[in-house]
Amino acid sequence: MNKLLRLLVAASCATVVSNSYADLNSMQKVYNNPNLAPKVQRCKGDQNCNAFYALSKEWQFIPNNYRLSGFDVKAYARKSDAYGLRKGFGFETEKAADIALAGEDVFYHGSKSRADEKLVAQGLAVLLYLDHK
């Protein structure tokens, strides 16, 4: 019985680790090839906007222990603090900045929706994570 329990625990740990890598791979695939992101009607054909939307849905796969300049980026996403993420951190690559701007133009500027603000915070968190890895 003890052996079976250990085997189940080991198998579940391996599944969690492999799922985390798979999700990182899917994030990087969309980040590196925005044209692979599913089309979102509100993006009106903008591939970077589609990528932003797709990446925002992956925010929960940012490791819990990930810190950027000592700050918990995932906590900003959890609190829907897009403003704090945008004002507190910068992007290192033009690609990340372009994807962020495309998403912000559609889902943040002029929107009064809390859901949109949350989506933007989550998208920015993922982009910051991918850009600073």
Protein backbone atom coordinates (compact mmCIF):
# COMPACT_ATOMS: atom_id res chain seq x y z
CA MET A 1 0.00 0.00 0.00
CA ASN A 2 2.85 2.39 0.90
CA LYS A 3 4.59 1.67 -2.41
CA LEU A 4 1.39 2.37 -4.32
CA LEU A 5 0.95 5.70 -2.56
CA ARG A 6 4.53 6.73 -3.36
CA LEU A 7 4.07 5.70 -6.98
CA LEU A 8 0.87 7.76 -7.27
CA VAL A 9 2.54 10.81 -5.72
CA ALA A 10 5.53 10.51 -8.08
CA ALA A 11 3.23 10.13 -11.09
CA SER A 12 1.19 13.19 -10.13
CA CYS A 13 4.36 15.26 -9.68
CA ALA A 14 5.61 14.18 -13.10
CA THR A 15 2.25 15.13 -14.63
CA VAL A 16 2.36 18.60 -13.06
CA VAL A 17 5.92 19.17 -14.30
CA SER A 18 5.15 17.95 -17.81
CA ASN A 19 1.96 20.06 -17.98
CA SER A 20 3.92 23.15 -16.91
CA TYR A 21 6.45 22.63 -19.68
CA ALA A 22 3.68 21.94 -22.19
CA ASP A 23 1.94 25.17 -21.25
CA LEU A 24 5.20 27.12 -21.46
CA ASN A 25 5.72 25.61 -24.89
CA SER A 26 2.23 26.65 -26.03
CA MET A 27 2.81 30.18 -24.67
CA GLN A 28 6.12 30.44 -26.50
CA LYS A 29 4.60 29.05 -29.69
CA VAL A 30 1.97 31.83 -29.79
CA TYR A 31 4.48 34.46 -28.63
CA ASN A 32 6.95 33.52 -31.37
CA ASN A 33 4.25 33.05 -34.05
CA PRO A 34 1.27 35.34 -33.35
CA ASN A 35 -0.41 34.13 -36.54
CA LEU A 36 -1.00 30.76 -34.78
CA ALA A 37 -3.30 32.35 -32.20
CA PRO A 38 -7.03 31.71 -32.59
CA LYS A 39 -8.91 34.59 -34.20
CA VAL A 40 -10.83 36.88 -31.85
CA GLN A 41 -13.61 38.98 -33.37
CA ARG A 42 -12.76 42.10 -31.38
CA CYS A 43 -9.20 42.04 -32.75
CA LYS A 44 -10.49 42.59 -36.30
CA GLY A 45 -7.75 40.51 -37.91
CA ASP A 46 -4.81 41.94 -35.92
CA GLN A 47 -2.55 38.93 -35.31
CA ASN A 48 -0.76 40.58 -32.37
CA CYS A 49 -4.10 41.31 -30.72
CA ASN A 50 -5.16 37.68 -31.23
CA ALA A 51 -1.86 36.58 -29.68
CA PHE A 52 -2.36 38.92 -26.71
CA TYR A 53 -5.81 37.48 -26.08
CA ALA A 54 -4.54 33.88 -26.33
CA LEU A 55 -1.58 34.58 -24.05
CA SER A 56 -3.79 36.26 -21.46
CA LYS A 57 -5.61 32.95 -21.00
CA GLU A 58 -2.32 31.29 -19.99
CA TRP A 59 -1.47 33.55 -17.03
CA GLN A 60 -2.08 30.86 -14.41
CA PHE A 61 0.90 28.91 -15.81
CA ILE A 62 3.36 31.59 -14.74
CA PRO A 63 5.29 29.88 -11.93
CA ASN A 64 4.16 30.99 -8.48
CA ASN A 65 7.74 31.72 -7.49
CA TYR A 66 8.47 33.91 -10.53
CA ARG A 67 9.60 37.44 -9.61
CA LEU A 68 10.53 40.35 -11.85
CA SER A 69 12.76 42.87 -10.10
CA GLY A 70 11.55 41.33 -6.84
CA PHE A 71 7.84 41.79 -7.65
CA ASP A 72 5.23 39.04 -7.97
CA VAL A 73 3.95 39.58 -11.51
CA LYS A 74 1.34 36.86 -11.12
CA ALA A 75 -0.16 38.71 -8.14
CA TYR A 76 -0.67 41.78 -10.34
CA ALA A 77 -2.54 39.60 -12.84
CA ARG A 78 -4.61 38.06 -10.07
CA LYS A 79 -5.59 41.55 -8.84
CA SER A 80 -6.35 42.77 -12.41
CA ASP A 81 -3.73 45.51 -11.97
CA ALA A 82 -2.88 46.26 -15.61
CA TYR A 83 -1.89 49.81 -14.69
CA GLY A 84 0.67 48.60 -12.13
CA LEU A 85 2.18 46.13 -14.58
CA ARG A 86 2.42 48.69 -17.37
CA LYS A 87 3.86 51.46 -15.22
CA GLY A 88 6.12 49.24 -13.13
CA PHE A 89 7.84 47.18 -15.79
CA GLY A 90 9.13 47.50 -19.32
CA PHE A 91 9.63 45.08 -22.16
CA GLU A 92 13.03 44.04 -23.41
CA THR A 93 11.94 43.14 -26.94
CA GLU A 94 9.99 44.96 -29.60
CA LYS A 95 7.93 41.81 -30.18
CA ALA A 96 6.55 41.84 -26.63
CA ALA A 97 5.87 45.59 -26.80
CA ASP A 98 4.03 45.21 -30.13
CA ILE A 99 1.83 42.39 -28.84
CA ALA A 100 1.10 44.34 -25.64
CA LEU A 101 0.17 47.51 -27.52
CA ALA A 102 -2.14 45.61 -29.87
CA GLY A 103 -3.95 44.02 -26.92
CA GLU A 104 -4.14 47.24 -24.94
CA ASP A 105 -5.56 49.16 -27.90
CA VAL A 106 -8.51 46.79 -28.11
CA PHE A 107 -9.08 45.65 -24.53
CA TYR A 108 -7.89 48.53 -22.35
CA HIS A 109 -8.03 51.99 -23.89
CA GLY A 110 -11.53 53.34 -23.57
CA SER A 111 -12.95 50.14 -22.09
CA LYS A 112 -14.85 50.37 -18.85
CA SER A 113 -15.13 46.62 -18.47
CA ARG A 114 -13.54 44.98 -15.44
CA ALA A 115 -13.25 41.78 -17.47
CA ASP A 116 -11.19 43.62 -20.10
CA GLU A 117 -8.96 45.15 -17.45
CA LYS A 118 -8.38 41.70 -15.98
CA LEU A 119 -7.61 40.28 -19.44
CA VAL A 120 -5.06 43.04 -20.03
CA ALA A 121 -3.38 42.47 -16.67
CA GLN A 122 -3.15 38.74 -17.36
CA GLY A 123 -1.81 39.32 -20.88
CA LEU A 124 0.81 41.79 -19.67
CA ALA A 125 1.91 39.39 -16.93
CA VAL A 126 2.44 36.58 -19.47
CA LEU A 127 4.31 38.88 -21.84
CA LEU A 128 6.57 40.13 -19.06
CA TYR A 129 7.26 36.56 -18.00
CA LEU A 130 8.09 35.41 -21.53
CA ASP A 131 10.07 38.55 -22.37
CA HIS A 132 12.28 38.44 -19.25
CA LYS A 133 12.91 34.69 -19.04
